[in-house]
Amino acid sequence: QVQLVESGGGLVQPGGSLRLSCVASGSSYSMRVMGWYRQAPGKQRELVAQITRGSSPNYADSVKGRFTMSRAGAENTVYLQMNSLKPEDTAVYYCKGSGLYPIPTRDYWGTGTQVTVSS
C-alpha cells in the first residue's frame, strides 16, 4: 500500500523558514508527478508547487521566489524549502503523488502537516 508522509511543519515567526519533507513508501516505482498543496481554514486546497520527473518545478505566484521544491533524484521523496514566511502561508500542507505504475491516474495524498506563521 502506497503511503505519503509529510513532516517538518510547525510554528514560525514571520520572515522565518521551514523545510517540509514528504516520503512515499510502498512502491518500488517512481511517481511521475509530486506536488505540495495547502489548505487554509475556510479556503479551498491550492497547489503550491509541483515537479514532474525530468522537469523543473513550477510554483504558485504567491510563493515564487520564497519557496523551493526539490526531489531526491528518482526517489519518491520531495522537499519544500519555505523562506520569508508570511502569516498568509499558514495552512495545512499536503503532499500529493501521481503517475505511479500500474495506475498512473490515481492520486495519492498524505495526511498533511500544519504550518503556522505567527508572531
C-alpha atoms as a PDB file:
ATOM      1  CA  GLN A   1       0.000   0.000   0.000  1.00  0.00           C
ATOM      2  CA  VAL A   2       1.372   3.355  -1.053  1.00  0.00           C
ATOM      3  CA  GLN A   3       1.584   5.925   1.722  1.00  0.00           C
ATOM      4  CA  LEU A   4       2.819   9.502   1.735  1.00  0.00           C
ATOM      5  CA  VAL A   5       4.036  11.022   4.987  1.00  0.00           C
ATOM      6  CA  GLU A   6       4.799  14.698   5.437  1.00  0.00           C
ATOM      7  CA  SER A   7       6.958  16.174   8.178  1.00  0.00           C
ATOM      8  CA  GLY A   8       8.644  19.427   9.131  1.00  0.00           C
ATOM      9  CA  GLY A   9       5.703  21.673   9.911  1.00  0.00           C
ATOM     10  CA  GLY A  10       5.486  23.852  12.959  1.00  0.00           C
ATOM     11  CA  LEU A  11       5.164  27.355  14.347  1.00  0.00           C
ATOM     12  CA  VAL A  12       7.465  30.021  12.948  1.00  0.00           C
ATOM     13  CA  GLN A  13       7.632  33.793  13.137  1.00  0.00           C
ATOM     14  CA  PRO A  14       7.040  35.941  10.068  1.00  0.00           C
ATOM     15  CA  GLY A  15      10.189  36.072   7.974  1.00  0.00           C
ATOM     16  CA  GLY A  16      11.311  32.686   9.217  1.00  0.00           C
ATOM     17  CA  SER A  17      11.932  29.434   7.379  1.00  0.00           C
ATOM     18  CA  LEU A  18      10.756  25.846   7.445  1.00  0.00           C
ATOM     19  CA  ARG A  19      11.624  22.783   5.404  1.00  0.00           C
ATOM     20  CA  LEU A  20       8.933  20.240   4.712  1.00  0.00           C
ATOM     21  CA  SER A  21       9.637  16.676   3.671  1.00  0.00           C
ATOM     22  CA  CYS A  22       7.416  14.094   2.023  1.00  0.00           C
ATOM     23  CA  VAL A  23       8.334  10.456   1.760  1.00  0.00           C
ATOM     24  CA  ALA A  24       6.271   7.978  -0.218  1.00  0.00           C
ATOM     25  CA  SER A  25       6.580   4.311   0.618  1.00  0.00           C
ATOM     26  CA  GLY A  26       5.028   1.093  -0.556  1.00  0.00           C
ATOM     27  CA  SER A  27       6.156   1.085  -4.187  1.00  0.00           C
ATOM     28  CA  SER A  28       9.402   0.346  -5.969  1.00  0.00           C
ATOM     29  CA  TYR A  29       8.349   2.586  -8.875  1.00  0.00           C
ATOM     30  CA  SER A  30       8.852   6.315  -9.207  1.00  0.00           C
ATOM     31  CA  MET A  31       5.924   8.697  -9.228  1.00  0.00           C
ATOM     32  CA  ARG A  32       5.855  10.848 -12.339  1.00  0.00           C
ATOM     33  CA  VAL A  33       4.433  13.909 -10.594  1.00  0.00           C
ATOM     34  CA  MET A  34       4.729  15.050  -6.999  1.00  0.00           C
ATOM     35  CA  GLY A  35       3.350  18.223  -5.566  1.00  0.00           C
ATOM     36  CA  TRP A  36       2.740  20.297  -2.491  1.00  0.00           C
ATOM     37  CA  TYR A  37      -0.691  21.698  -1.761  1.00  0.00           C
ATOM     38  CA  ARG A  38      -2.013  23.725   1.124  1.00  0.00           C
ATOM     39  CA  GLN A  39      -5.369  24.443   2.662  1.00  0.00           C
ATOM     40  CA  ALA A  40      -6.031  27.356   4.987  1.00  0.00           C
ATOM     41  CA  PRO A  41      -9.103  27.454   7.231  1.00  0.00           C
ATOM     42  CA  GLY A  42     -12.200  28.280   5.231  1.00  0.00           C
ATOM     43  CA  LYS A  43     -10.374  28.105   1.918  1.00  0.00           C
ATOM     44  CA  GLN A  44     -10.010  25.571  -0.848  1.00  0.00           C
ATOM     45  CA  ARG A  45      -6.941  23.448  -1.192  1.00  0.00           C
ATOM     46  CA  GLU A  46      -4.490  25.068  -3.595  1.00  0.00           C
ATOM     47  CA  LEU A  47      -1.393  23.993  -5.459  1.00  0.00           C
ATOM     48  CA  VAL A  48       1.820  25.427  -4.027  1.00  0.00           C
ATOM     49  CA  ALA A  49       4.486  23.699  -6.109  1.00  0.00           C
ATOM     50  CA  GLN A  50       4.741  20.710  -8.384  1.00  0.00           C
ATOM     51  CA  ILE A  51       7.523  18.777 -10.018  1.00  0.00           C
ATOM     52  CA  THR A  52       7.310  16.337 -12.913  1.00  0.00           C
ATOM     53  CA  ARG A  53      10.029  13.761 -13.273  1.00  0.00           C
ATOM     54  CA  GLY A  54      12.715  15.163 -15.528  1.00  0.00           C
ATOM     55  CA  SER A  55      11.473  18.746 -15.363  1.00  0.00           C
ATOM     56  CA  SER A  56      11.956  21.792 -13.188  1.00  0.00           C
ATOM     57  CA  PRO A  57       9.358  22.580 -10.560  1.00  0.00           C
ATOM     58  CA  ASN A  58       6.648  25.150 -11.072  1.00  0.00           C
ATOM     59  CA  TYR A  59       5.195  27.363  -8.363  1.00  0.00           C
ATOM     60  CA  ALA A  60       2.112  29.300  -7.435  1.00  0.00           C
ATOM     61  CA  ASP A  61       2.619  33.030  -7.935  1.00  0.00           C
ATOM     62  CA  SER A  62       2.128  33.621  -4.221  1.00  0.00           C
ATOM     63  CA  VAL A  63       5.244  31.625  -3.304  1.00  0.00           C
ATOM     64  CA  LYS A  64       7.587  32.295  -6.227  1.00  0.00           C
ATOM     65  CA  GLY A  65      10.962  33.486  -5.041  1.00  0.00           C
ATOM     66  CA  ARG A  66      10.301  32.318  -1.485  1.00  0.00           C
ATOM     67  CA  PHE A  67       9.649  28.565  -1.748  1.00  0.00           C
ATOM     68  CA  THR A  68      11.829  25.967  -3.407  1.00  0.00           C
ATOM     69  CA  MET A  69      10.705  22.448  -4.198  1.00  0.00           C
ATOM     70  CA  SER A  70      13.216  19.714  -4.775  1.00  0.00           C
ATOM     71  CA  ARG A  71      13.199  15.988  -5.334  1.00  0.00           C
ATOM     72  CA  ALA A  72      15.697  13.377  -4.231  1.00  0.00           C
ATOM     73  CA  GLY A  73      16.608  12.033  -7.689  1.00  0.00           C
ATOM     74  CA  ALA A  74      14.154   9.435  -8.943  1.00  0.00           C
ATOM     75  CA  GLU A  75      13.069   8.600  -5.416  1.00  0.00           C
ATOM     76  CA  ASN A  76       9.599   9.308  -4.130  1.00  0.00           C
ATOM     77  CA  THR A  77      10.889  11.926  -1.724  1.00  0.00           C
ATOM     78  CA  VAL A  78      10.313  15.642  -2.117  1.00  0.00           C
ATOM     79  CA  TYR A  79      11.094  18.702  -0.075  1.00  0.00           C
ATOM     80  CA  LEU A  80       9.700  22.184   0.201  1.00  0.00           C
ATOM     81  CA  GLN A  81      12.054  24.845   1.490  1.00  0.00           C
ATOM     82  CA  MET A  82       9.970  27.780   2.652  1.00  0.00           C
ATOM     83  CA  ASN A  83      11.707  31.092   3.302  1.00  0.00           C
ATOM     84  CA  SER A  84      10.434  34.573   4.146  1.00  0.00           C
ATOM     85  CA  LEU A  85       7.273  33.066   5.529  1.00  0.00           C
ATOM     86  CA  LYS A  86       4.202  35.251   5.892  1.00  0.00           C
ATOM     87  CA  PRO A  87       1.112  34.860   8.070  1.00  0.00           C
ATOM     88  CA  GLU A  88      -0.883  34.113   4.920  1.00  0.00           C
ATOM     89  CA  ASP A  89       1.245  30.997   4.416  1.00  0.00           C
ATOM     90  CA  THR A  90      -0.442  29.483   7.454  1.00  0.00           C
ATOM     91  CA  ALA A  91      -2.172  26.294   6.346  1.00  0.00           C
ATOM     92  CA  VAL A  92      -2.071  22.540   6.411  1.00  0.00           C
ATOM     93  CA  TYR A  93       0.416  21.448   3.765  1.00  0.00           C
ATOM     94  CA  TYR A  94      -0.243  18.239   1.864  1.00  0.00           C
ATOM     95  CA  CYS A  95       1.933  16.161  -0.391  1.00  0.00           C
ATOM     96  CA  LYS A  96       0.429  14.520  -3.464  1.00  0.00           C
ATOM     97  CA  GLY A  97       1.837  11.973  -5.855  1.00  0.00           C
ATOM     98  CA  SER A  98       0.531  10.579  -9.118  1.00  0.00           C
ATOM     99  CA  GLY A  99       1.638   8.842 -12.269  1.00  0.00           C
ATOM    100  CA  LEU A 100       2.605   5.672 -10.487  1.00  0.00           C
ATOM    101  CA  TYR A 101       2.641   2.280 -12.174  1.00  0.00           C
ATOM    102  CA  PRO A 102       0.319   0.382 -12.559  1.00  0.00           C
ATOM    103  CA  ILE A 103      -2.416   3.027 -12.059  1.00  0.00           C
ATOM    104  CA  PRO A 104      -0.946   6.306 -13.309  1.00  0.00           C
ATOM    105  CA  THR A 105      -4.225   8.202 -12.981  1.00  0.00           C
ATOM    106  CA  ARG A 106      -4.553   7.556  -9.257  1.00  0.00           C
ATOM    107  CA  ASP A 107      -3.694  10.324  -6.813  1.00  0.00           C
ATOM    108  CA  TYR A 108      -2.024   9.590  -3.508  1.00  0.00           C
ATOM    109  CA  TRP A 109      -2.265  12.087  -0.652  1.00  0.00           C
ATOM    110  CA  GLY A 110      -0.513  12.464   2.647  1.00  0.00           C
ATOM    111  CA  THR A 111      -2.357  13.431   5.806  1.00  0.00           C
ATOM    112  CA  GLY A 112      -0.785  16.867   5.989  1.00  0.00           C
ATOM    113  CA  THR A 113       1.465  18.877   8.253  1.00  0.00           C
ATOM    114  CA  GLN A 114       0.457  22.131   9.934  1.00  0.00           C
ATOM    115  CA  VAL A 115       2.423  25.289   9.221  1.00  0.00           C
ATOM    116  CA  THR A 116       1.622  28.307  11.364  1.00  0.00           C
ATOM    117  CA  VAL A 117       3.274  31.661  10.760  1.00  0.00           C
ATOM    118  CA  SER A 118       2.649  33.999  13.658  1.00  0.00           C
ATOM    119  CA  SER A 119       4.447  36.343  15.995  1.00  0.00           C
END
